């Protein structure tokens, strides 16, 4: 007997109702076959179709709620308008500054990034790379204390706690002395942390302007796909001094008593820069600010005019280690339908000749990225992947593990950062000329659901310090061998494969 008929036969409905339910179920499945795959990756389409065909009572509502990875409705209109303002402000900028020399073959990547995001390559000064959690917070706090005009703070998770007290106190004091301080924080990303309530209460009683990113409040008509996140981490002071990376404004154990008992702390990294590139960072903040509150701030106007870099900052050869490097900012997320971060990662990996170093707490690649990484290894490139021994998210941890065999068989060297620490840095290094640092993981969520920000760095002292940071991670990591991995118990393999399937439900 047909499974659907057999299932409905036991329901206490009249024959007419049973037939109607059966026809409806088949109609939904037939429609799903033609509608789900539209403009969707094959792996995602297959996972959604499996859910709809086998468990329609669960799969259909989930697809209606979570199936569209893009922003829609009012927010889509606002985001499109903000992107237009940013693109118009940057249209007179050259794709690559005349004073900046770049390695051969990289220009096409820069042109692709600009086509996808409107942001050109810019010059800038690398100031430092901050890998110590407390020192990074202290440096950002000092920067806020020097502010004269404005401070823009955009971080996914924020909490006013013992470790961040000095930073937020400095922000409030800056606002009280007349500096414009604007704060963007992801609503659901921070809501679960106790210090977030303290943050909202204290900032509301100060001159600081605070807005929630991607808020959900059905009572005032603000609703969207509930698992979209603004995952960016940006600090801009006076439009010329900036910080970008993976660290959130929260205690290193995320305020969790359980993490404290386990000794679990997050290991992160922030890059400090000055000059033209900070204007691009300010532009991304302006887009997000406009998207959340509808206010156009002066950043777009400043970008359209262009601001000269202080004397002695411009020019130089980034491949020769001069202080000024070339940078390109690459925002991505539901506001961009072309996956700029994924395309950049794939193209850079495909151009590698000697070495690739990937640091990602969540490595769940799509087919294109997996093929790019394994193909690089097969053609003789030395490929290293750094991941936490135990990621902080159960499903992502197991989905990530499901790719280890293919990577190890291709010759990729996997280093697992020893627990209980959580390696949270997101970084990519290509040969000796290029690197990427920012908020974007190499997983399906970062490619499709999160608003992310990545900084492409070309040459200069920054690359040496980025490699030094990876070398430090290597000392705290254990290598994973293929034979050891293949001998792991089968229950773990089963969970890994189930998690891999669920990771494509986007």
Protein backbone atom coordinates (compact mmCIF):
# COMPACT_ATOMS: atom_id res chain seq x y z
CA UNK A 1 0.00 0.00 0.00
CA UNK A 2 1.10 3.55 -0.63
CA UNK A 3 2.69 4.90 2.62
CA UNK A 4 0.64 8.10 2.46
CA UNK A 5 -2.62 6.19 2.00
CA UNK A 6 -1.65 3.73 4.72
CA UNK A 7 -0.89 6.59 7.08
CA UNK A 8 -4.15 8.42 6.44
CA UNK A 9 -6.22 5.24 6.72
CA UNK A 10 -5.78 5.27 10.47
CA UNK A 11 -7.00 8.85 10.87
CA UNK A 12 -10.58 9.22 12.22
CA UNK A 13 -11.78 11.29 9.26
CA UNK A 14 -14.64 10.69 6.82
CA UNK A 15 -13.52 9.25 3.48
CA UNK A 16 -13.98 12.61 1.74
CA UNK A 17 -11.75 14.42 4.20
CA UNK A 18 -9.12 11.68 4.00
CA UNK A 19 -9.07 11.94 0.21
CA UNK A 20 -8.78 15.73 0.39
CA UNK A 21 -5.86 15.47 2.80
CA UNK A 22 -4.18 12.93 0.54
CA UNK A 23 -4.61 15.15 -2.53
CA UNK A 24 -3.31 18.17 -0.59
CA UNK A 25 -0.24 16.26 0.59
CA UNK A 26 0.64 15.13 -2.92
CA UNK A 27 -0.02 18.61 -4.32
CA UNK A 28 2.37 20.12 -1.74
CA UNK A 29 5.06 17.57 -2.61
CA UNK A 30 4.68 18.13 -6.35
CA UNK A 31 4.83 21.91 -5.90
CA UNK A 32 7.89 21.53 -3.67
CA UNK A 33 9.75 19.61 -6.38
CA UNK A 34 9.45 22.57 -8.72
CA UNK A 35 9.70 25.46 -6.26
CA UNK A 36 12.31 24.52 -3.65
CA UNK A 37 15.31 24.19 -6.03
CA UNK A 38 14.80 27.67 -7.53
CA UNK A 39 17.96 29.77 -7.07
CA UNK A 40 19.15 27.45 -4.31
CA UNK A 41 22.27 25.32 -3.94
CA UNK A 42 21.73 21.61 -4.78
CA UNK A 43 22.70 20.41 -1.29
CA UNK A 44 20.23 22.84 0.30
CA UNK A 45 17.49 21.87 -2.15
CA UNK A 46 17.98 18.17 -1.46
CA UNK A 47 17.86 18.64 2.30
CA UNK A 48 14.68 20.72 2.17
CA UNK A 49 13.00 18.30 -0.22
CA UNK A 50 13.84 15.36 2.05
CA UNK A 51 12.25 17.20 4.97
CA UNK A 52 9.14 18.14 2.98
CA UNK A 53 8.66 14.77 1.26
CA UNK A 54 9.18 12.55 4.29
CA UNK A 55 7.85 14.75 7.13
CA UNK A 56 5.59 17.33 5.43
CA UNK A 57 3.85 18.31 8.67
CA UNK A 58 7.23 19.53 9.96
CA UNK A 59 9.10 20.28 6.74
CA UNK A 60 6.54 22.62 5.17
CA UNK A 61 6.16 25.02 8.14
CA UNK A 62 9.93 25.07 8.62
CA UNK A 63 10.49 25.87 4.95
CA UNK A 64 7.93 28.68 5.03
CA UNK A 65 9.60 30.12 8.13
CA UNK A 66 13.27 29.52 7.31
CA UNK A 67 13.46 28.64 3.64
CA UNK A 68 14.21 32.12 2.29
CA UNK A 69 17.78 33.18 3.19
CA UNK A 70 17.23 36.74 1.99
CA UNK A 71 15.69 39.75 3.70
CA UNK A 72 12.25 40.67 2.38
CA UNK A 73 9.52 43.27 2.70
CA UNK A 74 10.25 46.62 4.35
CA UNK A 75 13.77 45.64 5.36
CA UNK A 76 14.63 44.61 1.79
CA UNK A 77 13.60 48.05 0.50
CA UNK A 78 15.61 49.85 3.18
CA UNK A 79 18.67 47.65 2.66
CA UNK A 80 18.55 48.20 -1.11
CA UNK A 81 18.36 51.97 -0.62
CA UNK A 82 21.29 51.91 1.82
CA UNK A 83 23.37 49.85 -0.61
CA UNK A 84 22.53 52.35 -3.37
CA UNK A 85 23.71 55.29 -1.25
CA UNK A 86 26.96 53.49 -0.51
CA UNK A 87 27.54 52.56 -4.14
CA UNK A 88 26.95 56.14 -5.31
CA UNK A 89 29.35 57.47 -2.68
CA UNK A 90 32.11 55.17 -3.93
CA UNK A 91 31.55 55.33 -7.68
CA UNK A 92 34.38 57.82 -8.32
CA UNK A 93 36.95 55.78 -6.42
CA UNK A 94 39.34 53.71 -8.60
CA UNK A 95 39.24 49.94 -8.12
CA UNK A 96 42.90 50.03 -7.12
CA UNK A 97 44.60 53.27 -5.92
CA UNK A 98 47.36 54.51 -8.23
CA UNK A 99 49.78 54.61 -5.30
CA UNK A 100 49.26 50.93 -4.47
CA UNK A 101 50.98 48.07 -6.27
CA UNK A 102 49.44 44.61 -6.05
CA UNK A 103 50.68 41.11 -6.93
CA UNK A 104 49.93 39.86 -10.47
CA UNK A 105 46.61 38.04 -10.83
CA UNK A 106 45.02 39.62 -7.77
CA UNK A 107 43.42 42.54 -9.65
CA UNK A 108 40.66 40.28 -11.00
CA UNK A 109 39.74 39.26 -7.43
CA UNK A 110 39.61 42.94 -6.44
CA UNK A 111 37.42 43.71 -9.43
CA UNK A 112 35.10 40.81 -8.58
CA UNK A 113 34.79 42.01 -4.98
CA UNK A 114 33.94 45.52 -6.16
CA UNK A 115 31.34 44.23 -8.63
CA UNK A 116 29.68 42.30 -5.80
CA UNK A 117 29.88 44.91 -3.02
CA UNK A 118 30.69 48.28 -4.73
CA UNK A 119 33.76 48.69 -2.47
CA UNK A 120 37.14 49.24 -4.16
CA UNK A 121 40.59 48.41 -2.88
CA UNK A 122 41.98 51.20 -0.68
CA UNK A 123 45.25 52.15 0.91
CA UNK A 124 45.69 52.16 4.65
CA UNK A 125 48.10 51.81 7.50
CA UNK A 126 48.35 48.57 9.45
CA UNK A 127 48.74 49.48 13.13
CA UNK A 128 48.68 46.12 14.89
CA UNK A 129 47.18 42.69 15.38
CA UNK A 130 45.71 42.05 18.83
CA UNK A 131 45.43 38.40 19.84
CA UNK A 132 45.35 38.83 23.63
CA UNK A 133 41.73 39.22 24.71
CA UNK A 134 42.31 41.70 27.54
CA UNK A 135 44.93 43.70 25.63
CA UNK A 136 42.60 43.96 22.64
CA UNK A 137 39.80 45.37 24.80
CA UNK A 138 42.24 47.77 26.45
CA UNK A 139 43.50 49.05 23.09
CA UNK A 140 39.98 49.62 21.81
CA UNK A 141 39.11 51.39 25.07
CA UNK A 142 42.08 53.72 24.67
CA UNK A 143 40.99 54.51 21.12
CA UNK A 144 37.50 55.47 22.30
CA UNK A 145 39.01 57.76 24.92
CA UNK A 146 40.81 59.71 22.18
CA UNK A 147 37.64 60.30 20.13
CA UNK A 148 36.86 63.90 19.18
CA UNK A 149 33.99 63.63 16.71
CA UNK A 150 32.31 60.22 16.62
CA UNK A 151 32.58 56.59 17.72
CA UNK A 152 30.79 53.83 15.82
CA UNK A 153 30.43 50.50 17.62
CA UNK A 154 28.96 47.49 15.80
CA UNK A 155 29.40 44.07 17.40
CA UNK A 156 27.28 40.93 17.23
CA UNK A 157 27.37 40.14 20.96
CA UNK A 158 27.72 42.88 23.57
CA UNK A 159 27.57 42.70 27.34
CA UNK A 160 28.38 45.19 30.07
CA UNK A 161 30.39 42.95 32.41
CA UNK A 162 33.62 43.02 34.38
CA UNK A 163 35.82 42.69 31.27
CA UNK A 164 33.97 45.24 29.14
CA UNK A 165 33.19 47.75 31.89
CA UNK A 166 36.11 50.04 31.03
CA UNK A 167 35.20 50.06 27.33
CA UNK A 168 31.56 50.98 27.76
CA UNK A 169 32.40 53.47 30.50
CA UNK A 170 34.77 55.16 28.04
CA UNK A 171 32.01 55.20 25.41
CA UNK A 172 29.55 56.86 27.79
CA UNK A 173 32.16 59.39 28.91
CA UNK A 174 32.92 60.21 25.27
CA UNK A 175 29.22 60.83 24.60
CA UNK A 176 28.96 63.02 27.71
CA UNK A 177 31.76 65.28 26.46
CA UNK A 178 29.99 65.80 23.12
CA UNK A 179 31.28 62.95 20.94
CA UNK A 180 28.56 61.27 18.87
CA UNK A 181 28.55 57.63 19.97
CA UNK A 182 26.42 55.21 17.97
CA UNK A 183 26.03 51.55 18.95
CA UNK A 184 24.58 48.68 16.89
CA UNK A 185 24.10 45.30 18.51
CA UNK A 186 22.40 42.16 17.19
CA UNK A 187 19.12 41.70 19.04
CA UNK A 188 18.86 37.91 19.33
CA UNK A 189 22.63 37.43 19.30
CA UNK A 190 23.01 39.33 22.57
CA UNK A 191 19.63 38.77 24.21
CA UNK A 192 20.67 35.59 26.04
CA UNK A 193 23.55 37.24 27.91
CA UNK A 194 22.87 38.71 31.34
CA UNK A 195 25.16 41.68 30.74
CA UNK A 196 23.14 42.71 27.68
CA UNK A 197 20.24 43.85 29.85
CA UNK A 198 22.68 45.92 31.92
CA UNK A 199 24.11 47.39 28.70
CA UNK A 200 20.71 48.46 27.36
CA UNK A 201 19.66 49.98 30.66
CA UNK A 202 22.85 51.97 31.17
CA UNK A 203 23.13 53.21 27.60
CA UNK A 204 19.51 54.31 27.56
CA UNK A 205 20.28 56.58 30.50
CA UNK A 206 23.25 58.11 28.67
CA UNK A 207 23.75 60.25 25.52
CA UNK A 208 24.86 57.14 23.61
CA UNK A 209 22.58 56.25 20.66
CA UNK A 210 21.75 52.54 20.71
CA UNK A 211 19.87 50.54 18.07
CA UNK A 212 19.20 46.82 17.81
CA UNK A 213 20.22 45.05 14.62
CA UNK A 214 17.62 42.76 13.04
CA UNK A 215 15.16 43.19 15.92
CA UNK A 216 12.11 40.96 16.23
CA UNK A 217 9.00 42.57 17.70
CA UNK A 218 5.78 41.23 16.11
CA UNK A 219 3.69 43.69 18.18
CA UNK A 220 5.03 46.61 16.11
CA UNK A 221 5.19 44.71 12.83
CA UNK A 222 8.92 43.94 12.95
CA UNK A 223 9.33 40.31 12.02
CA UNK A 224 11.62 38.43 9.66
CA UNK A 225 13.31 35.07 9.36
CA UNK A 226 14.28 34.50 13.03
CA UNK A 227 17.69 32.92 12.45
CA UNK A 228 19.20 35.81 10.48
CA UNK A 229 22.01 37.54 12.39
CA UNK A 230 24.23 40.60 12.02
CA UNK A 231 27.53 38.98 12.95
CA UNK A 232 29.86 41.91 12.17
CA UNK A 233 32.50 43.26 14.58
CA UNK A 234 33.58 46.84 13.88
CA UNK A 235 34.86 49.79 15.88
CA UNK A 236 35.48 53.12 14.13
CA UNK A 237 36.84 56.24 15.85
CA UNK A 238 36.60 59.61 14.07
CA UNK A 239 36.42 57.93 10.66
CA UNK A 240 40.15 57.20 10.39
CA UNK A 241 40.96 54.72 13.19
CA UNK A 242 39.37 51.29 13.04
CA UNK A 243 39.30 47.76 14.47
CA UNK A 244 37.94 44.66 12.74
CA UNK A 245 38.05 40.96 13.56
CA UNK A 246 36.33 38.15 15.43
CA UNK A 247 36.17 39.37 19.04
CA UNK A 248 32.84 40.37 20.58
CA UNK A 249 32.38 42.99 23.30
CA UNK A 250 31.76 40.45 26.03
CA UNK A 251 33.73 38.57 28.68
CA UNK A 252 36.01 35.92 27.21
CA UNK A 253 33.90 33.14 28.81
CA UNK A 254 30.68 34.80 27.54
CA UNK A 255 29.47 35.20 31.11
CA UNK A 256 28.65 31.51 31.46
CA UNK A 257 29.14 29.78 34.86
CA UNK A 258 29.46 26.49 33.00
CA UNK A 259 32.24 27.88 30.83
CA UNK A 260 33.96 29.12 33.98
CA UNK A 261 33.79 25.65 35.53
CA UNK A 262 35.16 24.08 32.35
CA UNK A 263 37.86 26.72 31.94
CA UNK A 264 36.45 27.49 28.49
CA UNK A 265 37.52 30.83 27.03
CA UNK A 266 37.31 32.25 23.53
CA UNK A 267 40.51 32.92 21.57
CA UNK A 268 40.06 35.84 19.19
CA UNK A 269 41.89 38.38 17.10
CA UNK A 270 41.33 42.03 16.13
CA UNK A 271 43.21 44.05 13.50
CA UNK A 272 43.83 47.76 14.04
CA UNK A 273 44.11 49.99 10.96
CA UNK A 274 44.15 53.66 10.00
CA UNK A 275 43.63 55.62 6.78
CA UNK A 276 41.39 55.29 3.76
CA UNK A 277 40.20 51.75 4.48
CA UNK A 278 38.56 52.94 7.70
CA UNK A 279 36.27 55.11 5.56
CA UNK A 280 34.97 51.94 3.91
CA UNK A 281 34.38 50.41 7.35
CA UNK A 282 32.49 53.56 8.34
CA UNK A 283 30.42 53.20 5.18
CA UNK A 284 29.34 49.69 6.10
CA UNK A 285 28.35 50.96 9.53
CA UNK A 286 26.37 53.77 7.88
CA UNK A 287 24.50 51.22 5.74
CA UNK A 288 23.59 49.15 8.81
CA UNK A 289 22.64 52.25 10.79
CA UNK A 290 20.35 53.44 8.01
CA UNK A 291 18.82 49.96 7.73
CA UNK A 292 17.92 49.92 11.41
CA UNK A 293 16.77 53.47 12.10
CA UNK A 294 16.40 55.22 8.73
CA UNK A 295 18.92 57.96 9.57
CA UNK A 296 21.44 58.97 6.90
CA UNK A 297 24.68 59.92 8.62
CA UNK A 298 27.44 62.03 7.08
CA UNK A 299 29.63 59.07 6.18
CA UNK A 300 28.16 58.73 2.68
CA UNK A 301 28.91 62.38 1.97
CA UNK A 302 32.49 62.04 3.22
CA UNK A 303 33.05 59.01 1.00
CA UNK A 304 31.71 60.78 -2.07
CA UNK A 305 34.13 63.66 -1.46
CA UNK A 306 37.04 61.40 -0.61
CA UNK A 307 39.36 62.17 2.27
CA UNK A 308 43.10 62.45 1.81
CA UNK A 309 45.33 60.22 3.90
CA UNK A 310 47.76 62.07 6.21
CA UNK A 311 51.15 62.84 4.66
CA UNK A 312 53.49 59.90 4.66
CA UNK A 313 50.64 57.40 4.77
CA UNK A 314 49.83 56.97 1.11
CA UNK A 315 51.75 55.07 -1.50
CA UNK A 316 54.41 52.49 -0.82
CA UNK A 317 54.78 48.94 -2.00
CA UNK A 318 52.67 46.48 0.05
CA UNK A 319 54.67 43.53 -1.27
CA UNK A 320 57.90 45.04 0.03
CA UNK A 321 56.79 45.47 3.62
CA UNK A 322 56.13 49.22 3.55
CA UNK A 323 53.90 50.58 6.36
CA UNK A 324 51.01 51.26 4.01
CA UNK A 325 49.24 48.18 2.69
CA UNK A 326 46.39 47.64 0.28
CA UNK A 327 43.04 46.66 1.82
CA UNK A 328 39.61 45.79 0.52
CA UNK A 329 36.54 45.50 2.70
CA UNK A 330 34.10 42.74 1.75
CA UNK A 331 30.68 42.83 3.43
CA UNK A 332 28.32 39.92 2.87
CA UNK A 333 25.02 38.54 4.06
CA UNK A 334 21.31 38.41 3.21
CA UNK A 335 21.56 41.93 1.75
CA UNK A 336 23.85 40.53 -0.99
CA UNK A 337 22.51 37.70 -3.13
CA UNK A 338 25.89 36.76 -4.62
CA UNK A 339 27.76 35.42 -1.55
CA UNK A 340 30.74 37.81 -1.80
CA UNK A 341 32.67 36.18 1.06
CA UNK A 342 32.37 32.66 -0.36
CA UNK A 343 33.40 33.80 -3.84
CA UNK A 344 36.42 35.67 -2.47
CA UNK A 345 37.57 32.70 -0.38
CA UNK A 346 37.17 30.31 -3.31
CA UNK A 347 39.02 32.54 -5.78
CA UNK A 348 41.92 33.27 -3.44
CA UNK A 349 42.35 29.58 -2.59
CA UNK A 350 42.25 28.74 -6.29
CA UNK A 351 45.13 31.17 -6.96
CA UNK A 352 47.40 29.83 -4.21
CA UNK A 353 50.75 28.44 -5.33
CA UNK A 354 52.72 27.60 -2.19
CA UNK A 355 50.69 27.74 1.02
CA UNK A 356 47.18 28.15 2.39
CA UNK A 357 46.41 28.59 6.09
CA UNK A 358 42.76 28.56 7.17
CA UNK A 359 41.61 29.35 10.71
CA UNK A 360 37.89 28.88 11.29
CA UNK A 361 35.92 27.76 14.34
CA UNK A 362 33.19 26.49 12.04
CA UNK A 363 34.40 24.91 8.79
CA UNK A 364 31.33 23.59 6.95
CA UNK A 365 32.11 24.31 3.27
CA UNK A 366 29.81 24.08 0.31
CA UNK A 367 30.89 21.90 -2.61
CA UNK A 368 32.73 24.70 -4.44
CA UNK A 369 34.84 25.66 -1.42
CA UNK A 370 35.54 22.03 -0.48
CA UNK A 371 36.72 21.32 -4.03
CA UNK A 372 38.86 24.47 -4.06
CA UNK A 373 40.60 23.48 -0.80
CA UNK A 374 41.15 19.82 -1.70
CA UNK A 375 42.17 20.67 -5.29
CA UNK A 376 44.80 23.07 -3.97
CA UNK A 377 46.23 20.28 -1.83
CA UNK A 378 46.14 17.80 -4.73
CA UNK A 379 48.14 20.21 -6.90
CA UNK A 380 50.89 20.46 -4.31
CA UNK A 381 49.92 23.50 -2.24
CA UNK A 382 50.62 23.12 1.49
CA UNK A 383 47.15 23.48 3.03
CA UNK A 384 46.61 23.80 6.79
CA UNK A 385 43.26 23.98 8.57
CA UNK A 386 43.00 25.14 12.20
CA UNK A 387 39.78 24.32 14.06
CA UNK A 388 38.80 23.93 17.72
CA UNK A 389 39.08 20.45 19.17
CA UNK A 390 35.53 20.95 20.47
CA UNK A 391 33.44 23.71 18.94
CA UNK A 392 30.95 25.46 21.19
CA UNK A 393 27.97 24.54 18.98
CA UNK A 394 26.96 20.87 18.93
CA UNK A 395 25.49 20.59 15.41
CA UNK A 396 28.17 22.70 13.76
CA UNK A 397 30.89 20.76 15.58
CA UNK A 398 29.60 17.47 14.19
CA UNK A 399 28.85 18.84 10.72
CA UNK A 400 32.43 20.10 10.54
CA UNK A 401 33.81 16.70 11.52
CA UNK A 402 32.00 15.09 8.58
CA UNK A 403 34.41 16.84 6.17
CA UNK A 404 37.64 15.77 7.86
CA UNK A 405 38.03 12.51 5.94
CA UNK A 406 37.83 14.16 2.51
CA UNK A 407 40.27 16.84 3.63
CA UNK A 408 42.76 14.40 5.15
CA UNK A 409 42.62 12.10 2.12
CA UNK A 410 43.49 15.10 -0.06
CA UNK A 411 46.54 15.83 2.08
CA UNK A 412 45.16 18.80 4.04
CA UNK A 413 46.84 19.09 7.45
CA UNK A 414 44.24 19.54 10.17
CA UNK A 415 45.28 21.04 13.50
CA UNK A 416 42.79 20.92 16.37
CA UNK A 417 43.19 23.69 18.93
CA UNK A 418 43.23 22.04 22.33
CA UNK A 419 40.17 22.24 24.58
CA UNK A 420 38.78 23.73 26.69
CA UNK A 421 39.71 26.91 24.80
CA UNK A 422 37.56 27.78 21.78
CA UNK A 423 39.54 29.02 18.79
CA UNK A 424 37.19 31.69 17.45
CA UNK A 425 39.54 33.55 15.07
CA UNK A 426 38.51 33.70 11.40
CA UNK A 427 41.49 34.08 9.09
CA UNK A 428 42.79 32.99 5.69
CA UNK A 429 46.40 33.33 4.49
CA UNK A 430 47.41 32.85 0.85
CA UNK A 431 51.10 32.39 -0.03
CA UNK A 432 53.12 35.39 1.16
CA UNK A 433 51.02 38.20 -0.31
CA UNK A 434 47.43 38.00 0.91
CA UNK A 435 45.23 37.36 3.90
CA UNK A 436 41.69 37.81 5.12
CA UNK A 437 40.58 38.60 8.67
CA UNK A 438 37.12 39.42 9.96
CA UNK A 439 33.89 37.95 11.28
CA UNK A 440 33.10 35.39 8.58
CA UNK A 441 33.41 31.70 9.30
CA UNK A 442 33.69 29.21 6.46
CA UNK A 443 30.29 27.66 6.93
CA UNK A 444 26.84 27.79 5.36
CA UNK A 445 25.50 30.20 7.98
CA UNK A 446 28.22 32.78 7.30
CA UNK A 447 27.80 32.44 3.54
CA UNK A 448 24.01 32.76 3.52
CA UNK A 449 22.39 33.84 6.78
CA UNK A 450 24.75 36.16 8.65
CA UNK A 451 25.68 39.73 7.83
CA UNK A 452 29.48 39.42 7.88
CA UNK A 453 32.49 41.65 7.29
CA UNK A 454 35.89 40.57 5.97
CA UNK A 455 39.06 42.56 5.36
CA UNK A 456 41.31 41.47 2.49
CA UNK A 457 44.90 42.44 3.29
CA UNK A 458 47.55 42.61 0.56
CA UNK A 459 51.18 42.74 1.61
CA UNK A 460 52.93 44.72 4.28
CA UNK A 461 53.76 43.98 7.89
CA UNK A 462 50.22 42.75 8.56
CA UNK A 463 50.85 39.48 6.73
CA UNK A 464 53.88 38.67 8.85
CA UNK A 465 51.94 39.26 12.06
CA UNK A 466 49.02 37.20 10.81
CA UNK A 467 51.37 34.29 10.13
CA UNK A 468 52.94 34.74 13.58
CA UNK A 469 49.47 34.46 15.12
CA UNK A 470 48.82 31.20 13.26
CA UNK A 471 52.22 29.87 14.37
CA UNK A 472 51.15 30.57 17.96
CA UNK A 473 47.94 28.61 17.38
CA UNK A 474 50.02 25.75 16.02
CA UNK A 475 51.86 25.43 19.32
CA UNK A 476 48.55 24.91 21.13
CA UNK A 477 47.13 22.48 18.58
CA UNK A 478 47.32 18.74 18.01
CA UNK A 479 47.55 17.27 14.49
CA UNK A 480 44.82 14.93 13.29
CA UNK A 481 45.87 11.85 11.30
CA UNK A 482 43.76 10.02 8.71
CA UNK A 483 44.25 6.61 10.32
CA UNK A 484 43.19 7.92 13.72
CA UNK A 485 40.17 9.62 12.24
CA UNK A 486 38.99 6.56 10.32
CA UNK A 487 39.12 4.41 13.46
CA UNK A 488 36.70 6.59 15.46
CA UNK A 489 33.53 4.82 16.77
CA UNK A 490 30.56 4.53 14.41
CA UNK A 491 28.03 6.39 16.63
CA UNK A 492 30.13 9.52 16.22
CA UNK A 493 30.20 9.05 12.45
CA UNK A 494 26.42 8.73 12.41
CA UNK A 495 25.91 11.99 14.33
CA UNK A 496 28.45 13.74 12.08
CA UNK A 497 26.57 12.73 8.94
CA UNK A 498 23.16 13.73 10.32
CA UNK A 499 24.58 17.11 11.29
CA UNK A 500 26.08 17.52 7.82
CA UNK A 501 22.66 17.02 6.26
CA UNK A 502 20.99 19.52 8.59
CA UNK A 503 23.64 22.18 7.88
CA UNK A 504 22.28 22.53 4.35
CA UNK A 505 18.73 23.44 5.49
CA UNK A 506 18.93 27.08 4.41
